[in-house]
Amino acid sequence: MRRIPNFVLLRAFEATARLQSFTLAAEELHLTQSAISHQVKELEEYFGRPLLMRRNRRVEATPEGARLQESLGRVFDVIEAACNEVALSPAAQVLVLHSAPSFAAKWLGPRLPQFMSAHPDITIRLSSAAEPIDMTRAREVDVAISYGFAQERPGVVTIALGAERIVPLCAPSLLRDGVGADRLIGELTLIDSQLSRITWPDWFAHNDIPLPAKPRPSFDRAALVLSAAVDGMGVALETTRLAERELLRGDLVELGVDVFKPLARETHFFSYRAEQRNVDKVRRFREWLFSEAGIDREFDDTPRRRSSTAYKSSEA
């Protein structure tokens, strides 16, 4: 058995600490104030230490109580979400999606409302992390979008979401009349993206230009790199897919669009289990994603091996 206190006691404490009031907690839980007070006291006796400090008209959590309340709040949110999914209509489906963080924030997230509107019976549960996941172990995940490469596993289909143009991007305010892009790229601050497979040395070598010997600020997410570029910190080397909103709004411009050699890579990869290729929610999300990404292809569900070696240059 799990060594945890009675759930009723935890619920009473979490509500009281969150609302800072026995009265408000009693109203929320449809109990008497006396019952809430006794339940919190019993929990304190279980731990052998005070969790709340009683004031005249309110209560405050002790440091231990504050940590417990914060953790319980997250746990109760997960429990509530799980219960809501069980309570969905019989036709409803939950699609568990794992995505690279910047792709989720900059490209996928703005489009998800369209998918949800077109498929109201599918509820999206999205998580993100920089490293690709192993879908043979993370069985709760239905589909995944990874950056750079995908974990090679038997029975997992992985498809590249098309080649992406990787270009130098900067705020319009950094441009100077009469100064060409080839000169500016050597004078402006270059911003490094720590997780990017394409680095500034790669780009300069591709363009046969000497790399400036000066310090470069760096960030561990493409979204942060783009934000820094928008703020005028310097030049970002990122894909136009992730920067599409900034480019459309004019917050960023491509530096040297007609000057530098174009560079493209297969950067993001979509994965799902071959055995689930005909599962309705997977099939519909796959078709929608490919349409949004501009991929026109027949659905060949033969599992493919994708790795960092598949991260191959394709000049455009």
Foldseek 3Di string as FASTA:
>chain_A
DDPDDDPVLLLLLLLQQVVQALCRSCVVVVHDSVVSVVSPVVVCVVVVHHQWDDDDGGIHGDPVNVVSSVVVVVVVVVVVVVVVVVVQDPQAEEAEEEEAVLCCVQFVVVCVVVVCVVPVRYHYDYDYDQDADDCVPPVVHAKYKYWLKHDFDPQKAKDQLDKFWWFKKAFPVQDDPPDALLRSVQVWAEEFAVPDPQTPVNQCVQQVHDDHPDDHHYDPDPVVQVVCRLVGNTIYGGTCSRCVVCVVVRSMDGHPPVHGFIWIWRTMMMMGGLVCCPPVVNVSVVVVSSVSSVHDDDDDSRHDHIDSVNRDIDGD
